[in-house]
Amino acid sequence: MSDSDTLESLWQQLCVQSTAATIGSVASDDVSPPETRTTRVRCDTCGRPTIACPCVHLPPTPRDTHGALIVLTHPNERRRSLATGWMLPVTYERCAVITKRTPPKEFLAMFANDGDDASSSPSVSNETKLPPDVPIYLLYPATHAEAVIDVCPRVDRETYRKRLGWNASGASATIPPDEKKYETQTLTSPLPPTRKENELRDAFRAMRGAKYVLIALDSTWRQAREMATASVPLLPKRTKLVKLPAANARAPGLRRGEEIGNYLFRGG
């Protein structure tokens, strides 16, 4: 047998052995136990994996503030798994979330118009509405918006009182809205309250006794522009546009939340 015949015979044997080994490997893979994956532990409160859970950073009880924070949330935000708007009512006592592109008419009815009860004193004004001397602010970074740290609710309130002809040294114009209207509807209804009814009730309670109202938009930037454009004509004329300082306008969400929180704690 020549050397070439010997090499060819060895090559054929090597090919046969290699093929047999491959078939055996595939067969063993077919009978191997299925691969198991470890299930990530999730938080019972927020539903996120514990490694990304923010609940540990939230206060044990909501903190009281001088002003009321109303979060106007775009409906699409409720469907986002990483939405963070739910943290605000958990953090601040005077906070409510309203899910709508524009303020609903029931919410707008809680505000007294700028000219309402102009001839009346604060003690006899309509108790079912937020008095017309309570400042209202919409958080949106328009070009003509004032920096939130430069706005003083106390000064604005005194200005509105003078415009209404009220005595600046009179009683505080923080008459609580009549909450019984919504509680009665809830108790007499045979069905459980809807999400809208709960949100309106929470907004009523948040604005009770507040020294001012701050409305924030929870949405994408494009949606916020549309929401602000549609909301401004509906809100009372005394509503002011405010924005965060330029240094913090692009800060992460947590830092922006801290800036809003610092403003809410101001006594005005």
Protein backbone atom coordinates (compact mmCIF):
# COMPACT_ATOMS: atom_id res chain seq x y z
CA MET A 1 0.00 0.00 0.00
CA SER A 2 1.39 3.33 -0.99
CA ASP A 3 1.75 6.29 1.31
CA SER A 4 -1.11 8.09 -0.48
CA ASP A 5 -3.47 5.14 0.08
CA THR A 6 -2.55 5.09 3.77
CA LEU A 7 -3.24 8.82 4.21
CA GLU A 8 -6.59 8.52 2.40
CA SER A 9 -7.61 5.60 4.64
CA LEU A 10 -6.70 7.54 7.79
CA TRP A 11 -8.65 10.59 6.55
CA GLN A 12 -11.78 8.50 5.93
CA GLN A 13 -11.54 6.99 9.42
CA LEU A 14 -11.19 10.47 10.92
CA CYS A 15 -14.28 11.71 9.06
CA VAL A 16 -16.36 8.75 10.25
CA GLN A 17 -15.30 9.26 13.88
CA SER A 18 -16.01 13.00 13.70
CA THR A 19 -19.49 12.44 12.27
CA ALA A 20 -20.33 9.87 14.93
CA ALA A 21 -19.19 12.22 17.69
CA THR A 22 -21.39 15.05 16.31
CA ILE A 23 -24.48 12.84 16.15
CA GLY A 24 -23.89 11.66 19.71
CA SER A 25 -23.57 15.23 20.94
CA VAL A 26 -26.86 16.27 19.33
CA ALA A 27 -28.62 13.25 20.79
CA SER A 28 -27.35 14.01 24.27
CA ASP A 29 -28.53 17.64 23.95
CA ASP A 30 -32.01 16.41 23.07
CA VAL A 31 -32.34 14.45 26.28
CA SER A 32 -30.71 17.06 28.54
CA PRO A 33 -33.01 18.76 31.08
CA PRO A 34 -34.52 22.10 29.97
CA GLU A 35 -32.68 25.24 30.95
CA THR A 36 -34.25 27.04 33.91
CA ARG A 37 -34.26 30.81 34.42
CA THR A 38 -34.28 32.52 37.76
CA THR A 39 -37.42 34.64 38.25
CA ARG A 40 -36.62 38.21 39.33
CA VAL A 41 -38.13 39.27 42.64
CA ARG A 42 -40.48 42.23 42.22
CA CYS A 43 -41.73 44.86 44.66
CA ASP A 44 -45.33 44.38 45.81
CA THR A 45 -45.93 48.15 45.73
CA CYS A 46 -44.56 49.33 42.39
CA GLY A 47 -44.19 46.00 40.59
CA ARG A 48 -40.61 46.69 39.53
CA PRO A 49 -37.63 44.40 40.13
CA THR A 50 -36.28 45.01 43.61
CA ILE A 51 -32.95 46.11 42.16
CA ALA A 52 -34.74 49.04 40.47
CA CYS A 53 -37.42 49.67 43.10
CA PRO A 54 -37.69 53.37 44.14
CA CYS A 55 -40.00 52.73 47.12
CA VAL A 56 -37.13 52.67 49.60
CA HIS A 57 -36.42 56.32 48.75
CA LEU A 58 -40.01 57.49 49.36
CA PRO A 59 -41.06 58.93 52.74
CA PRO A 60 -42.92 56.57 55.09
CA THR A 61 -45.87 59.00 55.18
CA PRO A 62 -46.83 61.82 52.75
CA ARG A 63 -45.46 65.20 53.77
CA ASP A 64 -47.74 68.19 54.18
CA THR A 65 -47.09 71.26 52.05
CA HIS A 66 -48.28 74.85 51.84
CA GLY A 67 -49.43 74.48 48.25
CA ALA A 68 -51.47 71.87 46.38
CA LEU A 69 -49.87 69.93 43.54
CA ILE A 70 -52.24 68.77 40.80
CA VAL A 71 -50.61 66.44 38.25
CA LEU A 72 -52.40 66.51 34.92
CA THR A 73 -51.39 63.16 33.41
CA HIS A 74 -51.67 62.23 29.75
CA PRO A 75 -53.63 58.95 29.39
CA ASN A 76 -50.69 57.32 27.61
CA GLU A 77 -48.54 57.75 30.73
CA ARG A 78 -50.70 55.30 32.66
CA ARG A 79 -49.73 52.58 30.21
CA ARG A 80 -46.00 53.10 30.60
CA SER A 81 -44.29 50.53 32.77
CA LEU A 82 -41.69 53.07 33.93
CA ALA A 83 -44.13 55.86 34.76
CA THR A 84 -43.19 57.79 37.90
CA GLY A 85 -46.18 60.10 38.41
CA TRP A 86 -47.65 57.78 41.05
CA MET A 87 -44.78 58.70 43.39
CA LEU A 88 -45.98 62.28 43.90
CA PRO A 89 -49.21 61.54 45.83
CA VAL A 90 -47.23 59.07 47.92
CA THR A 91 -44.69 61.80 48.72
CA TYR A 92 -46.92 64.87 49.22
CA GLU A 93 -50.16 65.05 51.18
CA ARG A 94 -51.66 67.85 49.09
CA CYS A 95 -51.27 66.11 45.76
CA ALA A 96 -53.69 64.56 43.29
CA VAL A 97 -53.38 63.03 39.83
CA ILE A 98 -55.95 63.76 37.13
CA THR A 99 -55.74 61.57 34.03
CA LYS A 100 -56.77 63.73 31.09
CA ARG A 101 -55.24 65.75 28.27
CA THR A 102 -56.93 68.93 29.52
CA PRO A 103 -58.46 69.90 32.89
CA PRO A 104 -61.95 68.33 33.09
CA LYS A 105 -64.89 70.65 33.50
CA GLU A 106 -65.61 69.25 36.98
CA PHE A 107 -62.11 70.25 38.05
CA LEU A 108 -62.40 73.71 36.50
CA ALA A 109 -65.66 74.21 38.40
CA MET A 110 -63.69 74.06 41.66
CA PHE A 111 -62.05 77.42 40.90
CA ALA A 112 -63.74 80.75 41.41
CA ASN A 113 -63.29 83.03 38.44
CA ASP A 114 -61.13 86.10 38.85
CA GLY A 115 -64.17 88.38 39.06
CA ASP A 116 -66.35 86.18 41.29
CA ASP A 117 -67.40 87.64 44.63
CA ALA A 118 -65.38 90.78 43.99
CA SER A 119 -67.68 92.73 46.28
CA SER A 120 -67.67 90.13 49.04
CA SER A 121 -65.26 89.55 51.87
CA PRO A 122 -63.33 86.27 52.10
CA SER A 123 -65.51 85.11 54.98
CA VAL A 124 -68.69 85.01 52.87
CA SER A 125 -67.31 83.93 49.49
CA ASN A 126 -68.55 80.76 47.81
CA GLU A 127 -67.35 77.82 49.90
CA THR A 128 -67.80 75.35 47.04
CA LYS A 129 -64.99 76.98 45.04
CA LEU A 130 -61.36 77.84 45.59
CA PRO A 131 -61.37 81.59 46.37
CA PRO A 132 -60.33 83.97 43.57
CA ASP A 133 -57.34 85.27 45.53
CA VAL A 134 -55.56 81.89 45.70
CA PRO A 135 -52.72 81.92 43.12
CA ILE A 136 -52.67 79.25 40.40
CA TYR A 137 -49.49 78.23 38.57
CA LEU A 138 -48.97 75.99 35.56
CA LEU A 139 -45.54 74.39 35.34
CA TYR A 140 -44.50 74.64 31.70
CA PRO A 141 -41.23 76.08 30.27
CA ALA A 142 -42.71 78.65 27.90
CA THR A 143 -40.50 81.53 26.82
CA HIS A 144 -42.47 84.02 28.91
CA ALA A 145 -42.79 81.75 31.97
CA GLU A 146 -41.31 82.95 35.26
CA ALA A 147 -38.71 80.93 37.15
CA VAL A 148 -40.51 79.07 39.91
CA ILE A 149 -38.00 80.25 42.52
CA ASP A 150 -38.77 83.89 41.64
CA VAL A 151 -42.51 83.56 42.18
CA CYS A 152 -43.94 84.49 45.59
CA PRO A 153 -47.47 83.20 46.24
CA ARG A 154 -47.90 85.58 49.18
CA VAL A 155 -47.22 88.63 47.02
CA ASP A 156 -49.50 87.33 44.28
CA ARG A 157 -52.26 86.67 46.79
CA GLU A 158 -52.04 90.20 48.17
CA THR A 159 -52.19 91.56 44.63
CA TYR A 160 -55.34 89.59 43.87
CA ARG A 161 -56.96 90.69 47.14
CA LYS A 162 -56.37 94.34 46.34
CA ARG A 163 -57.76 93.81 42.86
CA LEU A 164 -60.87 92.24 44.40
CA GLY A 165 -61.23 95.05 46.92
CA TRP A 166 -60.62 92.78 49.90
CA ASN A 167 -58.97 94.02 53.06
CA ALA A 168 -55.39 92.74 53.08
CA SER A 169 -55.53 92.34 56.87
CA GLY A 170 -58.72 90.27 56.77
CA ALA A 171 -59.13 86.57 57.23
CA SER A 172 -57.04 84.17 55.21
CA ALA A 173 -58.54 83.38 51.82
CA THR A 174 -58.07 79.64 52.14
CA ILE A 175 -61.70 78.66 52.57
CA PRO A 176 -61.92 74.89 52.10
CA PRO A 177 -64.05 73.64 49.20
CA ASP A 178 -67.19 71.75 50.10
CA GLU A 179 -66.11 68.12 49.93
CA LYS A 180 -69.56 66.75 50.82
CA LYS A 181 -70.72 67.18 47.23
CA TYR A 182 -68.43 64.44 45.98
CA GLU A 183 -68.67 62.28 49.09
CA THR A 184 -72.48 62.22 48.82
CA GLN A 185 -72.33 61.14 45.19
CA THR A 186 -69.96 58.34 46.11
CA LEU A 187 -71.97 57.08 49.09
CA THR A 188 -75.36 57.10 47.34
CA SER A 189 -74.17 55.43 44.14
CA PRO A 190 -74.85 51.65 43.99
CA LEU A 191 -71.62 51.20 42.00
CA PRO A 192 -68.08 51.74 43.27
CA PRO A 193 -66.63 55.16 42.41
CA THR A 194 -64.92 55.41 39.05
CA ARG A 195 -61.30 56.45 38.65
CA LYS A 196 -62.45 59.88 37.51
CA GLU A 197 -64.59 60.37 40.61
CA ASN A 198 -61.72 59.31 42.86
CA GLU A 199 -59.34 61.68 41.10
CA LEU A 200 -61.74 64.62 41.44
CA ARG A 201 -62.28 63.84 45.13
CA ASP A 202 -58.51 63.72 45.70
CA ALA A 203 -58.11 67.04 43.89
CA PHE A 204 -60.81 68.58 46.09
CA ARG A 205 -59.03 67.41 49.23
CA ALA A 206 -55.61 68.50 48.01
CA MET A 207 -56.76 72.08 47.38
CA ARG A 208 -58.58 72.35 50.71
CA GLY A 209 -56.84 75.13 52.64
CA ALA A 210 -53.96 75.38 50.15
CA LYS A 211 -52.22 78.73 49.85
CA TYR A 212 -51.75 78.22 46.13
CA VAL A 213 -52.19 75.56 43.44
CA LEU A 214 -49.40 74.27 41.22
CA ILE A 215 -50.46 72.27 38.14
CA ALA A 216 -47.79 70.04 36.58
CA LEU A 217 -47.99 68.12 33.29
CA ASP A 218 -46.99 64.45 33.21
CA SER A 219 -46.33 63.50 29.59
CA THR A 220 -43.75 63.61 26.82
CA TRP A 221 -42.48 67.02 25.74
CA ARG A 222 -44.61 66.99 22.59
CA GLN A 223 -47.73 66.01 24.52
CA ALA A 224 -46.99 68.61 27.20
CA ARG A 225 -46.88 71.36 24.58
CA GLU A 226 -50.27 70.29 23.25
CA MET A 227 -51.71 69.96 26.77
CA ALA A 228 -50.44 73.38 27.87
CA THR A 229 -51.74 75.08 24.72
CA ALA A 230 -55.20 73.58 25.26
CA SER A 231 -55.28 74.08 29.06
CA VAL A 232 -54.24 77.72 29.42
CA PRO A 233 -57.46 79.16 27.89
CA LEU A 234 -59.55 76.94 30.19
CA LEU A 235 -57.86 77.85 33.48
CA PRO A 236 -58.67 81.06 35.40
CA LYS A 237 -57.07 84.15 33.93
CA ARG A 238 -54.90 84.64 37.01
CA THR A 239 -53.01 81.43 36.17
CA LYS A 240 -49.27 82.07 35.75
CA LEU A 241 -46.83 79.98 33.74
CA VAL A 242 -43.76 79.00 35.75
CA LYS A 243 -40.67 76.97 34.90
CA LEU A 244 -37.78 75.36 36.71
CA PRO A 245 -34.45 77.21 36.78
CA ALA A 246 -32.40 76.78 33.62
CA ALA A 247 -29.66 74.96 35.55
CA ASN A 248 -32.09 72.21 36.56
CA ALA A 249 -34.39 72.15 33.53
CA ARG A 250 -32.57 69.14 32.05
CA ALA A 251 -31.75 67.48 35.35
CA PRO A 252 -32.78 63.87 36.01
CA GLY A 253 -36.35 63.30 37.14
CA LEU A 254 -35.43 62.89 40.82
CA ARG A 255 -33.69 66.27 40.92
CA ARG A 256 -36.61 67.95 39.14
CA GLY A 257 -38.93 66.41 41.70
CA GLU A 258 -36.81 67.81 44.52
CA GLU A 259 -37.01 71.29 42.95
CA ILE A 260 -40.80 71.08 42.79
CA GLY A 261 -40.90 69.79 46.36
CA ASN A 262 -38.79 72.69 47.63
CA TYR A 263 -41.23 75.10 46.02
CA LEU A 264 -44.26 73.38 47.55
CA PHE A 265 -42.79 73.71 51.03
CA ARG A 266 -42.40 77.47 50.69
CA GLY A 267 -44.76 79.38 52.87
CA GLY A 268 -45.38 81.98 50.17
